[in-house]
Amino acid sequence: MSKWMTIAALVSVSVLGISTAAADPVGGPKWQETRVCANSTDVFKVDCWGDEVTAVRIQGDGDTDLDLYVYDEAGNLISSSTSYSDCEEVQVLPYYRQTLTIKVVNRGNVYNAYSIRIW
């Protein structure tokens, strides 16, 4: 099963009437273990409601440096975390409902088994 098929249900739920609320994806927080090949990028799409904070966290196996990037539907970088480790976290607050693109970049010469959590 492809990463897209596994993560396809990552959609935030609206909390009506509350500005800048934090919202879980439909059905609650999502979590998955996967791996990114050496010097490669994994891409996930997430449909988020506007004016609600969504958090994304990755935790790798310690073998390589992983970086995390989040782009809006126009392709603009809206958040990133690029330390020299494989544990990264960001929070995003889209202004309106849109599909965000999450990229997990492996900077190393071997694969990295990691978990991704979106809530």
PDB file of N, CA and C in Angstrom:
ATOM      1  N   MET A   1       0.846  -1.174   0.000  1.00  0.00           N
ATOM      2  CA  MET A   1       0.000   0.000   0.000  1.00  0.00           C
ATOM      3  C   MET A   1       0.892   1.237   0.000  1.00  0.00           C
ATOM      4  N   SER A   2       0.573   2.227  -0.809  1.00  0.00           N
ATOM      5  CA  SER A   2       1.398   3.433  -0.899  1.00  0.00           C
ATOM      6  C   SER A   2       1.222   4.318   0.326  1.00  0.00           C
ATOM      7  N   LYS A   3       2.202   5.187   0.557  1.00  0.00           N
ATOM      8  CA  LYS A   3       2.099   6.126   1.669  1.00  0.00           C
ATOM      9  C   LYS A   3       0.865   7.003   1.516  1.00  0.00           C
ATOM     10  N   TRP A   4       0.538   7.403   0.273  1.00  0.00           N
ATOM     11  CA  TRP A   4      -0.625   8.260   0.041  1.00  0.00           C
ATOM     12  C   TRP A   4      -1.899   7.552   0.477  1.00  0.00           C
ATOM     13  N   MET A   5      -2.031   6.270   0.135  1.00  0.00           N
ATOM     14  CA  MET A   5      -3.236   5.528   0.488  1.00  0.00           C
ATOM     15  C   MET A   5      -3.340   5.367   2.004  1.00  0.00           C
ATOM     16  N   THR A   6      -2.220   5.201   2.674  1.00  0.00           N
ATOM     17  CA  THR A   6      -2.227   4.997   4.114  1.00  0.00           C
ATOM     18  C   THR A   6      -2.545   6.279   4.854  1.00  0.00           C
ATOM     19  N   ILE A   7      -2.064   7.409   4.358  1.00  0.00           N
ATOM     20  CA  ILE A   7      -2.231   8.687   5.044  1.00  0.00           C
ATOM     21  C   ILE A   7      -3.404   9.487   4.471  1.00  0.00           C
ATOM     22  N   ALA A   8      -4.130   8.956   3.524  1.00  0.00           N
ATOM     23  CA  ALA A   8      -5.168   9.703   2.824  1.00  0.00           C
ATOM     24  C   ALA A   8      -6.220  10.280   3.755  1.00  0.00           C
ATOM     25  N   ALA A   9      -6.423   9.687   4.913  1.00  0.00           N
ATOM     26  CA  ALA A   9      -7.477  10.143   5.817  1.00  0.00           C
ATOM     27  C   ALA A   9      -7.028  11.261   6.738  1.00  0.00           C
ATOM     28  N   LEU A  10      -5.890  11.886   6.475  1.00  0.00           N
ATOM     29  CA  LEU A  10      -5.403  12.952   7.345  1.00  0.00           C
ATOM     30  C   LEU A  10      -6.115  14.264   7.036  1.00  0.00           C
ATOM     31  N   VAL A  11      -7.274  14.433   7.619  1.00  0.00           N
ATOM     32  CA  VAL A  11      -8.099  15.609   7.379  1.00  0.00           C
ATOM     33  C   VAL A  11      -8.481  16.193   8.730  1.00  0.00           C
ATOM     34  N   SER A  12      -8.295  17.481   8.898  1.00  0.00           N
ATOM     35  CA  SER A  12      -8.619  18.107  10.172  1.00  0.00           C
ATOM     36  C   SER A  12     -10.109  18.338  10.322  1.00  0.00           C
ATOM     37  N   VAL A  13     -10.573  18.268  11.552  1.00  0.00           N
ATOM     38  CA  VAL A  13     -11.971  18.491  11.877  1.00  0.00           C
ATOM     39  C   VAL A  13     -12.132  19.921  12.379  1.00  0.00           C
ATOM     40  N   SER A  14     -13.167  20.572  11.964  1.00  0.00           N
ATOM     41  CA  SER A  14     -13.429  21.936  12.386  1.00  0.00           C
ATOM     42  C   SER A  14     -14.062  21.970  13.772  1.00  0.00           C
ATOM     43  N   VAL A  15     -13.629  22.927  14.580  1.00  0.00           N
ATOM     44  CA  VAL A  15     -14.289  23.214  15.836  1.00  0.00           C
ATOM     45  C   VAL A  15     -14.987  24.553  15.616  1.00  0.00           C
ATOM     46  N   LEU A  16     -16.249  24.499  15.290  1.00  0.00           N
ATOM     47  CA  LEU A  16     -16.983  25.690  14.868  1.00  0.00           C
ATOM     48  C   LEU A  16     -17.073  26.719  15.983  1.00  0.00           C
ATOM     49  N   GLY A  17     -16.885  27.964  15.598  1.00  0.00           N
ATOM     50  CA  GLY A  17     -17.055  29.062  16.516  1.00  0.00           C
ATOM     51  C   GLY A  17     -15.859  29.369  17.394  1.00  0.00           C
ATOM     52  N   ILE A  18     -14.776  28.639  17.269  1.00  0.00           N
ATOM     53  CA  ILE A  18     -13.593  28.888  18.086  1.00  0.00           C
ATOM     54  C   ILE A  18     -12.444  29.272  17.169  1.00  0.00           C
ATOM     55  N   SER A  19     -11.931  30.466  17.335  1.00  0.00           N
ATOM     56  CA  SER A  19     -10.837  30.939  16.509  1.00  0.00           C
ATOM     57  C   SER A  19      -9.529  30.318  16.970  1.00  0.00           C
ATOM     58  N   THR A  20      -8.658  29.990  16.020  1.00  0.00           N
ATOM     59  CA  THR A  20      -7.345  29.387  16.243  1.00  0.00           C
ATOM     60  C   THR A  20      -7.405  28.170  17.169  1.00  0.00           C
ATOM     61  N   ALA A  21      -8.400  27.339  16.973  1.00  0.00           N
ATOM     62  CA  ALA A  21      -8.529  26.110  17.753  1.00  0.00           C
ATOM     63  C   ALA A  21      -7.566  25.060  17.216  1.00  0.00           C
ATOM     64  N   ALA A  22      -7.187  24.151  18.077  1.00  0.00           N
ATOM     65  CA  ALA A  22      -6.421  22.993  17.629  1.00  0.00           C
ATOM     66  C   ALA A  22      -7.408  21.903  17.255  1.00  0.00           C
ATOM     67  N   ALA A  23      -7.176  21.246  16.134  1.00  0.00           N
ATOM     68  CA  ALA A  23      -8.130  20.247  15.668  1.00  0.00           C
ATOM     69  C   ALA A  23      -7.409  18.983  15.235  1.00  0.00           C
ATOM     70  N   ASP A  24      -7.918  17.835  15.677  1.00  0.00           N
ATOM     71  CA  ASP A  24      -7.391  16.548  15.242  1.00  0.00           C
ATOM     72  C   ASP A  24      -7.895  16.243  13.843  1.00  0.00           C
ATOM     73  N   PRO A  25      -7.187  15.373  13.129  1.00  0.00           N
ATOM     74  CA  PRO A  25      -7.711  14.874  11.859  1.00  0.00           C
ATOM     75  C   PRO A  25      -9.012  14.110  12.090  1.00  0.00           C
ATOM     76  N   VAL A  26      -9.779  13.918  11.038  1.00  0.00           N
ATOM     77  CA  VAL A  26     -11.021  13.160  11.140  1.00  0.00           C
ATOM     78  C   VAL A  26     -10.727  11.805  11.772  1.00  0.00           C
ATOM     79  N   GLY A  27     -11.513  11.430  12.770  1.00  0.00           N
ATOM     80  CA  GLY A  27     -11.303  10.162  13.449  1.00  0.00           C
ATOM     81  C   GLY A  27     -10.242  10.216  14.529  1.00  0.00           C
ATOM     82  N   GLY A  28      -9.716  11.380  14.836  1.00  0.00           N
ATOM     83  CA  GLY A  28      -8.693  11.518  15.868  1.00  0.00           C
ATOM     84  C   GLY A  28      -7.298  11.628  15.287  1.00  0.00           C
ATOM     85  N   PRO A  29      -6.285  11.726  16.159  1.00  0.00           N
ATOM     86  CA  PRO A  29      -4.903  11.854  15.697  1.00  0.00           C
ATOM     87  C   PRO A  29      -4.496  10.662  14.839  1.00  0.00           C
ATOM     88  N   LYS A  30      -3.619  10.917  13.866  1.00  0.00           N
ATOM     89  CA  LYS A  30      -3.116   9.872  12.977  1.00  0.00           C
ATOM     90  C   LYS A  30      -1.645   9.631  13.270  1.00  0.00           C
ATOM     91  N   TRP A  31      -1.240   8.372  13.180  1.00  0.00           N
ATOM     92  CA  TRP A  31       0.141   7.997  13.440  1.00  0.00           C
ATOM     93  C   TRP A  31       0.487   6.817  12.548  1.00  0.00           C
ATOM     94  N   GLN A  32       1.674   6.849  11.979  1.00  0.00           N
ATOM     95  CA  GLN A  32       2.103   5.769  11.099  1.00  0.00           C
ATOM     96  C   GLN A  32       3.607   5.605  11.174  1.00  0.00           C
ATOM     97  N   GLU A  33       4.069   4.350  11.066  1.00  0.00           N
ATOM     98  CA  GLU A  33       5.490   4.067  10.925  1.00  0.00           C
ATOM     99  C   GLU A  33       5.766   3.758   9.463  1.00  0.00           C
ATOM    100  N   THR A  34       6.839   4.326   8.929  1.00  0.00           N
ATOM    101  CA  THR A  34       7.211   4.114   7.537  1.00  0.00           C
ATOM    102  C   THR A  34       8.711   4.301   7.418  1.00  0.00           C
ATOM    103  N   ARG A  35       9.226   4.322   6.218  1.00  0.00           N
ATOM    104  CA  ARG A  35      10.651   4.596   6.029  1.00  0.00           C
ATOM    105  C   ARG A  35      10.829   5.440   4.774  1.00  0.00           C
ATOM    106  N   VAL A  36      11.855   6.280   4.814  1.00  0.00           N
ATOM    107  CA  VAL A  36      12.219   7.105   3.667  1.00  0.00           C
ATOM    108  C   VAL A  36      13.590   6.628   3.199  1.00  0.00           C
ATOM    109  N   CYS A  37      13.722   6.407   1.913  1.00  0.00           N
ATOM    110  CA  CYS A  37      14.976   5.922   1.335  1.00  0.00           C
ATOM    111  C   CYS A  37      16.083   6.965   1.492  1.00  0.00           C
ATOM    112  N   ALA A  38      17.327   6.525   1.336  1.00  0.00           N
ATOM    113  CA  ALA A  38      18.481   7.417   1.422  1.00  0.00           C
ATOM    114  C   ALA A  38      18.359   8.553   0.418  1.00  0.00           C
ATOM    115  N   ASN A  39      18.703   9.761   0.850  1.00  0.00           N
ATOM    116  CA  ASN A  39      18.700  10.951  -0.006  1.00  0.00           C
ATOM    117  C   ASN A  39      17.391  11.102  -0.775  1.00  0.00           C
ATOM    118  N   SER A  40      16.260  10.831  -0.119  1.00  0.00           N
ATOM    119  CA  SER A  40      14.942  10.882  -0.758  1.00  0.00           C
ATOM    120  C   SER A  40      13.961  11.706   0.058  1.00  0.00           C
ATOM    121  N   THR A  41      12.779  11.930  -0.521  1.00  0.00           N
ATOM    122  CA  THR A  41      11.723  12.704   0.112  1.00  0.00           C
ATOM    123  C   THR A  41      10.415  11.939   0.067  1.00  0.00           C
ATOM    124  N   ASP A  42       9.727  11.842   1.215  1.00  0.00           N
ATOM    125  CA  ASP A  42       8.365  11.329   1.278  1.00  0.00           C
ATOM    126  C   ASP A  42       7.419  12.514   1.257  1.00  0.00           C
ATOM    127  N   VAL A  43       6.289  12.378   0.565  1.00  0.00           N
ATOM    128  CA  VAL A  43       5.322  13.464   0.434  1.00  0.00           C
ATOM    129  C   VAL A  43       3.955  12.975   0.887  1.00  0.00           C
ATOM    130  N   PHE A  44       3.306  13.773   1.725  1.00  0.00           N
ATOM    131  CA  PHE A  44       1.966  13.487   2.226  1.00  0.00           C
ATOM    132  C   PHE A  44       1.077  14.704   1.959  1.00  0.00           C
ATOM    133  N   LYS A  45      -0.198  14.484   1.704  1.00  0.00           N
ATOM    134  CA  LYS A  45      -1.189  15.561   1.530  1.00  0.00           C
ATOM    135  C   LYS A  45      -2.156  15.516   2.697  1.00  0.00           C
ATOM    136  N   VAL A  46      -2.478  16.682   3.266  1.00  0.00           N
ATOM    137  CA  VAL A  46      -3.381  16.772   4.404  1.00  0.00           C
ATOM    138  C   VAL A  46      -4.379  17.898   4.158  1.00  0.00           C
ATOM    139  N   ASP A  47      -5.661  17.579   4.223  1.00  0.00           N
ATOM    140  CA  ASP A  47      -6.711  18.582   4.078  1.00  0.00           C
ATOM    141  C   ASP A  47      -6.987  19.175   5.452  1.00  0.00           C
ATOM    142  N   CYS A  48      -6.751  20.484   5.618  1.00  0.00           N
ATOM    143  CA  CYS A  48      -6.915  21.158   6.904  1.00  0.00           C
ATOM    144  C   CYS A  48      -7.967  22.261   6.814  1.00  0.00           C
ATOM    145  N   TRP A  49      -8.643  22.477   7.911  1.00  0.00           N
ATOM    146  CA  TRP A  49      -9.585  23.585   8.007  1.00  0.00           C
ATOM    147  C   TRP A  49      -8.812  24.869   8.280  1.00  0.00           C
ATOM    148  N   GLY A  50      -9.375  25.981   7.882  1.00  0.00           N
ATOM    149  CA  GLY A  50      -8.749  27.264   8.149  1.00  0.00           C
ATOM    150  C   GLY A  50      -8.924  27.682   9.594  1.00  0.00           C
ATOM    151  N   ASP A  51      -8.013  28.504  10.062  1.00  0.00           N
ATOM    152  CA  ASP A  51      -8.057  29.099  11.397  1.00  0.00           C
ATOM    153  C   ASP A  51      -8.011  28.052  12.507  1.00  0.00           C
ATOM    154  N   GLU A  52      -7.354  26.916  12.249  1.00  0.00           N
ATOM    155  CA  GLU A  52      -7.171  25.873  13.257  1.00  0.00           C
ATOM    156  C   GLU A  52      -5.738  25.355  13.194  1.00  0.00           C
ATOM    157  N   VAL A  53      -5.108  25.224  14.340  1.00  0.00           N
ATOM    158  CA  VAL A  53      -3.722  24.770  14.410  1.00  0.00           C
ATOM    159  C   VAL A  53      -3.666  23.258  14.185  1.00  0.00           C
ATOM    160  N   THR A  54      -2.770  22.840  13.315  1.00  0.00           N
ATOM    161  CA  THR A  54      -2.480  21.432  13.092  1.00  0.00           C
ATOM    162  C   THR A  54      -0.989  21.221  13.345  1.00  0.00           C
ATOM    163  N   ALA A  55      -0.657  20.188  14.113  1.00  0.00           N
ATOM    164  CA  ALA A  55       0.742  19.880  14.427  1.00  0.00           C
ATOM    165  C   ALA A  55       1.185  18.643  13.652  1.00  0.00           C
ATOM    166  N   VAL A  56       2.452  18.645  13.257  1.00  0.00           N
ATOM    167  CA  VAL A  56       3.056  17.507  12.558  1.00  0.00           C
ATOM    168  C   VAL A  56       4.371  17.190  13.257  1.00  0.00           C
ATOM    169  N   ARG A  57       4.577  15.908  13.574  1.00  0.00           N
ATOM    170  CA  ARG A  57       5.814  15.493  14.241  1.00  0.00           C
ATOM    171  C   ARG A  57       6.345  14.235  13.569  1.00  0.00           C
ATOM    172  N   ILE A  58       7.668  14.210  13.360  1.00  0.00           N
ATOM    173  CA  ILE A  58       8.333  13.005  12.877  1.00  0.00           C
ATOM    174  C   ILE A  58       9.404  12.604  13.886  1.00  0.00           C
ATOM    175  N   GLN A  59       9.600  11.300  14.038  1.00  0.00           N
ATOM    176  CA  GLN A  59      10.626  10.757  14.929  1.00  0.00           C
ATOM    177  C   GLN A  59      11.299   9.612  14.198  1.00  0.00           C
ATOM    178  N   GLY A  60      12.584   9.773  13.874  1.00  0.00           N
ATOM    179  CA  GLY A  60      13.313   8.771  13.121  1.00  0.00           C
ATOM    180  C   GLY A  60      14.016   7.754  13.992  1.00  0.00           C
ATOM    181  N   ASP A  61      14.742   6.855  13.330  1.00  0.00           N
ATOM    182  CA  ASP A  61      15.449   5.773  14.027  1.00  0.00           C
ATOM    183  C   ASP A  61      16.856   6.166  14.483  1.00  0.00           C
ATOM    184  N   GLY A  62      17.279   7.391  14.210  1.00  0.00           N
ATOM    185  CA  GLY A  62      18.584   7.881  14.658  1.00  0.00           C
ATOM    186  C   GLY A  62      19.701   7.702  13.653  1.00  0.00           C
ATOM    187  N   ASP A  63      19.431   7.072  12.510  1.00  0.00           N
ATOM    188  CA  ASP A  63      20.483   6.789  11.537  1.00  0.00           C
ATOM    189  C   ASP A  63      20.877   7.973  10.670  1.00  0.00           C
ATOM    190  N   THR A  64      19.935   8.873  10.390  1.00  0.00           N
ATOM    191  CA  THR A  64      20.222  10.001   9.493  1.00  0.00           C
ATOM    192  C   THR A  64      19.510  11.257   9.981  1.00  0.00           C
ATOM    193  N   ASP A  65      19.789  12.355   9.326  1.00  0.00           N
ATOM    194  CA  ASP A  65      19.120  13.631   9.570  1.00  0.00           C
ATOM    195  C   ASP A  65      17.851  13.683   8.731  1.00  0.00           C
ATOM    196  N   LEU A  66      16.698  13.883   9.382  1.00  0.00           N
ATOM    197  CA  LEU A  66      15.441  14.102   8.670  1.00  0.00           C
ATOM    198  C   LEU A  66      15.016  15.549   8.859  1.00  0.00           C
ATOM    199  N   ASP A  67      14.492  16.158   7.813  1.00  0.00           N
ATOM    200  CA  ASP A  67      13.953  17.509   7.886  1.00  0.00           C
ATOM    201  C   ASP A  67      12.490  17.479   7.490  1.00  0.00           C
ATOM    202  N   LEU A  68      11.715  18.413   8.038  1.00  0.00           N
ATOM    203  CA  LEU A  68      10.266  18.463   7.852  1.00  0.00           C
ATOM    204  C   LEU A  68       9.867  19.807   7.264  1.00  0.00           C
ATOM    205  N   TYR A  69       9.080  19.765   6.182  1.00  0.00           N
ATOM    206  CA  TYR A  69       8.618  20.975   5.501  1.00  0.00           C
ATOM    207  C   TYR A  69       7.117  20.881   5.272  1.00  0.00           C
ATOM    208  N   VAL A  70       6.407  22.013   5.444  1.00  0.00           N
ATOM    209  CA  VAL A  70       4.974  22.068   5.172  1.00  0.00           C
ATOM    210  C   VAL A  70       4.715  23.219   4.213  1.00  0.00           C
ATOM    211  N   TYR A  71       3.975  22.917   3.120  1.00  0.00           N
ATOM    212  CA  TYR A  71       3.668  23.883   2.079  1.00  0.00           C
ATOM    213  C   TYR A  71       2.161  24.080   1.976  1.00  0.00           C
ATOM    214  N   ASP A  72       1.743  25.312   1.639  1.00  0.00           N
ATOM    215  CA  ASP A  72       0.322  25.551   1.397  1.00  0.00           C
ATOM    216  C   ASP A  72      -0.042  25.054   0.001  1.00  0.00           C
ATOM    217  N   GLU A  73      -1.326  25.178  -0.358  1.00  0.00           N
ATOM    218  CA  GLU A  73      -1.768  24.621  -1.637  1.00  0.00           C
ATOM    219  C   GLU A  73      -1.211  25.378  -2.845  1.00  0.00           C
ATOM    220  N   ALA A  74      -0.667  26.564  -2.635  1.00  0.00           N
ATOM    221  CA  ALA A  74      -0.042  27.321  -3.717  1.00  0.00           C
ATOM    222  C   ALA A  74       1.442  26.972  -3.860  1.00  0.00           C
ATOM    223  N   GLY A  75       1.937  26.084  -2.994  1.00  0.00           N
ATOM    224  CA  GLY A  75       3.334  25.681  -3.066  1.00  0.00           C
ATOM    225  C   GLY A  75       4.281  26.538  -2.246  1.00  0.00           C
ATOM    226  N   ASN A  76       3.742  27.443  -1.429  1.00  0.00           N
ATOM    227  CA  ASN A  76       4.575  28.292  -0.576  1.00  0.00           C
ATOM    228  C   ASN A  76       4.946  27.559   0.706  1.00  0.00           C
ATOM    229  N   LEU A  77       6.209  27.621   1.089  1.00  0.00           N
ATOM    230  CA  LEU A  77       6.656  27.037   2.347  1.00  0.00           C
ATOM    231  C   LEU A  77       6.052  27.836   3.493  1.00  0.00           C
ATOM    232  N   ILE A  78       5.301  27.175   4.388  1.00  0.00           N
ATOM    233  CA  ILE A  78       4.682  27.893   5.503  1.00  0.00           C
ATOM    234  C   ILE A  78       5.282  27.523   6.854  1.00  0.00           C
ATOM    235  N   SER A  79       5.986  26.384   6.927  1.00  0.00           N
ATOM    236  CA  SER A  79       6.657  26.011   8.168  1.00  0.00           C
ATOM    237  C   SER A  79       7.692  24.936   7.866  1.00  0.00           C
ATOM    238  N   SER A  80       8.747  24.911   8.686  1.00  0.00           N
ATOM    239  CA  SER A  80       9.760  23.877   8.528  1.00  0.00           C
ATOM    240  C   SER A  80      10.494  23.672   9.847  1.00  0.00           C
ATOM    241  N   SER A  81      11.121  22.512   9.960  1.00  0.00           N
ATOM    242  CA  SER A  81      11.987  22.195  11.089  1.00  0.00           C
ATOM    243  C   SER A  81      13.172  21.431  10.517  1.00  0.00           C
ATOM    244  N   THR A  82      14.384  22.008  10.678  1.00  0.00           N
ATOM    245  CA  THR A  82      15.559  21.472   9.982  1.00  0.00           C
ATOM    246  C   THR A  82      16.781  21.368  10.891  1.00  0.00           C
ATOM    247  N   SER A  83      16.610  20.793  12.057  1.00  0.00           N
ATOM    248  CA  SER A  83      17.758  20.602  12.945  1.00  0.00           C
ATOM    249  C   SER A  83      18.630  19.468  12.399  1.00  0.00           C
ATOM    250  N   TYR A  84      19.702  19.155  13.097  1.00  0.00           N
ATOM    251  CA  TYR A  84      20.604  18.077  12.665  1.00  0.00           C
ATOM    252  C   TYR A  84      20.209  16.728  13.263  1.00  0.00           C
ATOM    253  N   SER A  85      18.945  16.569  13.616  1.00  0.00           N
ATOM    254  CA  SER A  85      18.475  15.302  14.168  1.00  0.00           C
ATOM    255  C   SER A  85      17.388  14.732  13.261  1.00  0.00           C
ATOM    256  N   ASP A  86      16.773  13.657  13.699  1.00  0.00           N
ATOM    257  CA  ASP A  86      15.661  13.089  12.929  1.00  0.00           C
ATOM    258  C   ASP A  86      14.354  13.150  13.713  1.00  0.00           C
ATOM    259  N   CYS A  87      14.290  14.078  14.646  1.00  0.00           N
ATOM    260  CA  CYS A  87      13.059  14.362  15.382  1.00  0.00           C
ATOM    261  C   CYS A  87      12.697  15.817  15.119  1.00  0.00           C
ATOM    262  N   GLU A  88      11.592  16.042  14.434  1.00  0.00           N
ATOM    263  CA  GLU A  88      11.188  17.398  14.056  1.00  0.00           C
ATOM    264  C   GLU A  88       9.695  17.578  14.336  1.00  0.00           C
ATOM    265  N   GLU A  89       9.292  18.811  14.633  1.00  0.00           N
ATOM    266  CA  GLU A  89       7.878  19.115  14.863  1.00  0.00           C
ATOM    267  C   GLU A  89       7.572  20.537  14.419  1.00  0.00           C
ATOM    268  N   VAL A  90       6.415  20.718  13.800  1.00  0.00           N
ATOM    269  CA  VAL A  90       5.935  22.043  13.414  1.00  0.00           C
ATOM    270  C   VAL A  90       4.454  22.154  13.740  1.00  0.00           C
ATOM    271  N   GLN A  91       3.997  23.397  13.848  1.00  0.00           N
ATOM    272  CA  GLN A  91       2.574  23.692  13.956  1.00  0.00           C
ATOM    273  C   GLN A  91       2.239  24.687  12.862  1.00  0.00           C
ATOM    274  N   VAL A  92       1.104  24.480  12.210  1.00  0.00           N
ATOM    275  CA  VAL A  92       0.686  25.375  11.138  1.00  0.00           C
ATOM    276  C   VAL A  92      -0.728  25.865  11.410  1.00  0.00           C
ATOM    277  N   LEU A  93      -1.017  27.052  10.907  1.00  0.00           N
ATOM    278  CA  LEU A  93      -2.330  27.662  11.057  1.00  0.00           C
ATOM    279  C   LEU A  93      -2.762  28.222   9.711  1.00  0.00           C
ATOM    280  N   PRO A  94      -3.370  27.394   8.862  1.00  0.00           N
ATOM    281  CA  PRO A  94      -3.829  27.899   7.556  1.00  0.00           C
ATOM    282  C   PRO A  94      -4.932  28.942   7.753  1.00  0.00           C
ATOM    283  N   TYR A  95      -4.953  29.945   6.905  1.00  0.00           N
ATOM    284  CA  TYR A  95      -5.965  30.997   6.991  1.00  0.00           C
ATOM    285  C   TYR A  95      -7.323  30.536   6.484  1.00  0.00           C
ATOM    286  N   TYR A  96      -7.334  29.552   5.603  1.00  0.00           N
ATOM    287  CA  TYR A  96      -8.586  29.035   5.051  1.00  0.00           C
ATOM    288  C   TYR A  96      -8.413  27.547   4.771  1.00  0.00           C
ATOM    289  N   ARG A  97      -9.526  26.856   4.529  1.00  0.00           N
ATOM    290  CA  ARG A  97      -9.451  25.418   4.266  1.00  0.00           C
ATOM    291  C   ARG A  97      -8.640  25.167   3.000  1.00  0.00           C
ATOM    292  N   GLN A  98      -7.682  24.260   3.120  1.00  0.00           N
ATOM    293  CA  GLN A  98      -6.834  23.935   1.981  1.00  0.00           C
ATOM    294  C   GLN A  98      -6.101  22.619   2.220  1.00  0.00           C
ATOM    295  N   THR A  99      -5.527  22.094   1.167  1.00  0.00           N
ATOM    296  CA  THR A  99      -4.731  20.881   1.253  1.00  0.00           C
ATOM    297  C   THR A  99      -3.270  21.267   1.389  1.00  0.00           C
ATOM    298  N   LEU A 100      -2.669  20.860   2.503  1.00  0.00           N
ATOM    299  CA  LEU A 100      -1.262  21.132   2.747  1.00  0.00           C
ATOM    300  C   LEU A 100      -0.424  19.962   2.261  1.00  0.00           C
ATOM    301  N   THR A 101       0.808  20.241   1.873  1.00  0.00           N
ATOM    302  CA  THR A 101       1.760  19.213   1.468  1.00  0.00           C
ATOM    303  C   THR A 101       2.839  19.125   2.532  1.00  0.00           C
ATOM    304  N   ILE A 102       3.058  17.917   3.044  1.00  0.00           N
ATOM    305  CA  ILE A 102       4.087  17.658   4.050  1.00  0.00           C
ATOM    306  C   ILE A 102       5.204  16.871   3.375  1.00  0.00           C
ATOM    307  N   LYS A 103       6.432  17.364   3.523  1.00  0.00           N
ATOM    308  CA  LYS A 103       7.590  16.667   2.959  1.00  0.00           C
ATOM    309  C   LYS A 103       8.546  16.279   4.075  1.00  0.00           C
ATOM    310  N   VAL A 104       8.953  15.009   4.066  1.00  0.00           N
ATOM    311  CA  VAL A 104       9.951  14.487   4.988  1.00  0.00           C
ATOM    312  C   VAL A 104      11.181  14.171   4.147  1.00  0.00           C
ATOM    313  N   VAL A 105      12.273  14.897   4.392  1.00  0.00           N
ATOM    314  CA  VAL A 105      13.487  14.778   3.581  1.00  0.00           C
ATOM    315  C   VAL A 105      14.559  14.048   4.384  1.00  0.00           C
ATOM    316  N   ASN A 106      15.085  12.978   3.794  1.00  0.00           N
ATOM    317  CA  ASN A 106      16.186  12.230   4.397  1.00  0.00           C
ATOM    318  C   ASN A 106      17.493  12.773   3.826  1.00  0.00           C
ATOM    319  N   ARG A 107      18.338  13.342   4.674  1.00  0.00           N
ATOM    320  CA  ARG A 107      19.624  13.920   4.257  1.00  0.00           C
ATOM    321  C   ARG A 107      20.767  12.903   4.295  1.00  0.00           C
ATOM    322  N   GLY A 108      20.462  11.661   4.665  1.00  0.00           N
ATOM    323  CA  GLY A 108      21.516  10.668   4.847  1.00  0.00           C
ATOM    324  C   GLY A 108      21.673   9.696   3.698  1.00  0.00           C
ATOM    325  N   ASN A 109      22.716   8.863   3.799  1.00  0.00           N
ATOM    326  CA  ASN A 109      23.064   7.891   2.761  1.00  0.00           C
ATOM    327  C   ASN A 109      22.500   6.498   3.021  1.00  0.00           C
ATOM    328  N   VAL A 110      21.640   6.356   4.041  1.00  0.00           N
ATOM    329  CA  VAL A 110      20.924   5.111   4.311  1.00  0.00           C
ATOM    330  C   VAL A 110      19.466   5.457   4.594  1.00  0.00           C
ATOM    331  N   TYR A 111      18.592   4.459   4.540  1.00  0.00           N
ATOM    332  CA  TYR A 111      17.182   4.731   4.827  1.00  0.00           C
ATOM    333  C   TYR A 111      17.006   5.095   6.293  1.00  0.00           C
ATOM    334  N   ASN A 112      15.879   5.733   6.615  1.00  0.00           N
ATOM    335  CA  ASN A 112      15.529   6.064   7.989  1.00  0.00           C
ATOM    336  C   ASN A 112      14.098   5.597   8.233  1.00  0.00           C
ATOM    337  N   ALA A 113      13.908   4.703   9.199  1.00  0.00           N
ATOM    338  CA  ALA A 113      12.573   4.275   9.619  1.00  0.00           C
ATOM    339  C   ALA A 113      12.060   5.319  10.600  1.00  0.00           C
ATOM    340  N   TYR A 114      10.905   5.904  10.325  1.00  0.00           N
ATOM    341  CA  TYR A 114      10.402   6.982  11.174  1.00  0.00           C
ATOM    342  C   TYR A 114       8.908   6.845  11.386  1.00  0.00           C
ATOM    343  N   SER A 115       8.417   7.553  12.392  1.00  0.00           N
ATOM    344  CA  SER A 115       6.974   7.652  12.607  1.00  0.00           C
ATOM    345  C   SER A 115       6.572   9.085  12.285  1.00  0.00           C
ATOM    346  N   ILE A 116       5.359   9.232  11.781  1.00  0.00           N
ATOM    347  CA  ILE A 116       4.785  10.549  11.529  1.00  0.00           C
ATOM    348  C   ILE A 116       3.461  10.614  12.280  1.00  0.00           C
ATOM    349  N   ARG A 117       3.251  11.713  12.971  1.00  0.00           N
ATOM    350  CA  ARG A 117       2.020  11.934  13.723  1.00  0.00           C
ATOM    351  C   ARG A 117       1.462  13.290  13.317  1.00  0.00           C
ATOM    352  N   ILE A 118       0.170  13.322  13.057  1.00  0.00           N
ATOM    353  CA  ILE A 118      -0.503  14.583  12.705  1.00  0.00           C
ATOM    354  C   ILE A 118      -1.715  14.717  13.611  1.00  0.00           C
ATOM    355  N   TRP A 119      -1.782  15.827  14.328  1.00  0.00           N
ATOM    356  CA  TRP A 119      -2.884  16.076  15.243  1.00  0.00           C
ATOM    357  C   TRP A 119      -3.185  17.534  15.345  1.00  0.00           C
TER     358      TRP A 119
END
